Protein backbone atom coordinates (compact mmCIF):
# COMPACT_ATOMS: atom_id res chain seq x y z
CA MET A 1 66.37 33.87 24.99
CA ALA A 2 64.99 31.95 27.71
CA GLU A 3 64.39 32.52 31.43
CA PHE A 4 64.74 29.01 33.56
CA PHE A 5 62.73 28.38 36.66
CA SER A 6 62.40 24.79 37.31
CA GLU A 7 59.68 25.46 40.00
CA LYS A 8 56.81 23.12 40.72
CA VAL A 9 53.39 24.47 39.66
CA PHE A 10 49.87 22.99 39.68
CA VAL A 11 48.69 22.01 36.12
CA GLN A 12 45.05 21.16 35.38
CA ARG A 13 44.57 18.58 32.20
CA ASP A 14 42.01 18.01 29.87
CA VAL A 15 39.98 15.01 30.69
CA LYS A 16 40.13 13.27 27.60
CA THR A 17 43.26 14.27 25.76
CA ARG A 18 45.38 14.47 29.51
CA GLU A 19 47.16 17.55 27.89
CA PRO A 20 47.54 20.37 30.07
CA ILE A 21 44.87 23.31 29.75
CA LEU A 22 46.13 25.52 32.50
CA PHE A 23 48.85 26.07 35.17
CA CYS A 24 49.22 28.21 38.16
CA TRP A 25 52.47 29.90 39.10
CA LYS A 26 52.94 32.32 41.79
CA GLU A 27 49.66 32.63 42.71
CA LYS A 28 48.63 33.46 39.01
CA GLU A 29 46.69 31.26 36.60
CA TYR A 30 47.89 30.72 32.98
CA LYS A 31 45.39 29.52 30.44
CA ILE A 32 46.91 27.21 27.70
CA ARG A 33 45.70 28.16 24.32
CA GLU A 34 47.77 25.74 22.35
CA VAL A 35 50.20 22.83 23.09
CA LEU A 36 52.90 23.58 20.50
CA SER A 37 54.79 20.45 20.99
CA SER A 38 55.44 17.32 23.38
CA TRP A 39 58.00 15.00 23.80
CA SER A 40 59.51 12.25 26.27
CA ASP A 41 62.81 12.23 28.02
CA TRP A 42 63.84 8.80 29.39
CA LYS A 43 67.59 9.52 29.23
CA PHE A 44 70.02 8.79 32.32
CA PRO A 45 71.00 12.18 33.97
CA LYS A 46 74.55 13.37 33.68
CA GLY A 47 77.03 11.59 36.26
CA SER A 48 75.09 8.46 36.32
CA PRO A 49 76.92 5.26 37.23
CA LYS A 50 78.28 3.44 34.08
CA ARG A 51 76.14 0.31 34.95
CA LYS A 52 72.57 1.64 34.11
CA ASN A 53 69.71 0.93 35.90
CA TRP A 54 66.36 1.38 34.32
CA ARG A 55 65.16 3.19 38.01
CA LEU A 56 67.67 5.87 37.40
CA ARG A 57 66.14 6.98 34.18
CA ARG A 58 64.23 10.25 33.99
CA HIS A 59 60.59 9.65 33.30
CA ARG A 60 59.47 13.23 31.92
CA VAL A 61 57.19 14.41 29.45
CA TYR A 62 57.71 17.93 28.16
CA TYR A 63 55.18 20.22 26.77
CA ARG A 64 55.97 23.51 24.77
CA ILE A 65 53.02 25.63 25.45
CA LYS A 66 51.26 29.05 24.33
CA THR A 67 49.09 30.90 26.71
CA GLU A 68 46.22 32.98 25.89
CA ASN A 69 48.56 36.08 26.39
CA ASP A 70 50.96 34.61 23.68
CA GLU A 71 53.72 33.70 26.28
CA ILE A 72 55.58 30.57 25.40
CA PHE A 73 56.61 28.15 28.09
CA GLU A 74 57.98 24.57 28.55
CA ILE A 75 56.53 22.57 31.42
CA TYR A 76 57.02 18.99 32.25
CA LEU A 77 55.58 16.09 34.19
CA ASP A 78 58.09 14.26 36.10
CA ARG A 79 56.57 10.89 36.50
CA LYS A 80 59.61 9.37 38.58
CA THR A 81 57.83 10.43 41.87
CA LYS A 82 55.38 8.14 43.60
CA LYS A 83 52.57 10.45 43.42
CA GLU A 84 49.66 9.40 41.29
CA ASP A 85 50.01 12.07 38.87
CA GLY A 86 53.66 13.00 39.39
CA GLU A 87 55.24 16.39 39.77
CA TRP A 88 54.61 19.20 37.28
CA VAL A 89 57.44 21.62 36.89
CA LEU A 90 57.72 24.97 34.97
CA TYR A 91 61.00 24.65 33.29
CA ARG A 92 61.42 27.78 31.22
CA LYS A 93 59.70 30.75 29.36
CA ILE A 94 60.96 31.40 25.96
CA ASP A 95 61.06 35.07 24.52
């Protein structure tokens, strides 16, 4: 079972590996014990025009993570934005 959120969060990344090491959501800090997996999503969103343009593609990097409290979440970095590091989104919690 999964709970979906799709809410922006603050993420701190390791300086060397650039992987997430903690995130803050609803004024609570979640320390990441382990990155279980990561993958990129470069697909076009559903409903995109038939003639594809690379600027319409998603530019997301997903991380499935385990916190110090053994909670499992999926977060992603949406690099499509013009911000330097993009925007981090808490996608879902997995039970």
